[in-house]
Amino acid sequence: MPSIPSNKPYRVGRSRTGLGLFATKPIKKGTKIIRYFGPLLDSKKKEEDAIENKYLFELNDRWTIDGSVRKNIARYINHSCRPNAESDVKPRKRKVFIRAIKNIEPGEEINYDYGTDYFKAYLKPIGCKCAACEKKRKKKRAEARAEKARLKAKAERKALKKAEELAKAEAKKEKLKAKAEQKSKKKFNGHALNGKSLNGTSLNGSSRVRASGKKSAARKQPVSAPAPALQA
């Protein structure tokens, strides 16, 4: 790591994305924190226009700062979609300063927005890892877990309701079956068979006496023939 004078309000330290720049003293809003510097590249020169790295800072259509040199401590400042600092570009002076746009407390990481072009070229393909984006991802993951739990609970309630309905239908079926059996048994116990009773009592309350399956009417006695008259 590069050496930083102790009177500077920042230090290089470990960040979630690698190295970052952290405040060591309170930094008030509007304070110029550090200058972003390096060799100036002229886009009109092919050899300079062909240089590519992640630390190029474009001043205007012609001039670009190559901030890849190790002495440029400002290159350790990471991107944030919700930064506490910003780049203060002065094209005529060909200088860039990083200025606080919020009060920054000791231990807080200093960051600024790298801009749309840099974001699309380097950050979007791998996913921005700034605190704001990480917070959004965390929120989305929490919402996804909550939605998954909600759908699971809904499915369980639906399955339980279906099971209860099936149980009720089965109970109703069993009840009807038991009722039918009870009715059939009651008919049998009442000796009802083809509209006649087994104990001699008909369904309309009248009764007949039967014996051995024969009719109960009395037999007629045979009439004896008259005796023949005696002849004289």
Foldseek 3Di string as FASTA:
>chain_A
DDDDDPVAQWDWDQDPVGIFIFGQAKDAAFDFRFWQAADKAFCVDPVRVPDDDLRWADQDPTIIGRRPDPVRPVSRAEADPDFQWEWDHDSVVRIITIGGRHTHHGGGTHHYHPDDVSCVPPDVVPHHPHPVRVVVVVVVVVVVVVVVVVVVVVVVVVVVVVVVVVVVVVVVVVVVVVVVVVVVVVCVVQQQDPQQHPVQAGPVGDGDDDDPNDDPDDDDDDDDDDDDDDDD
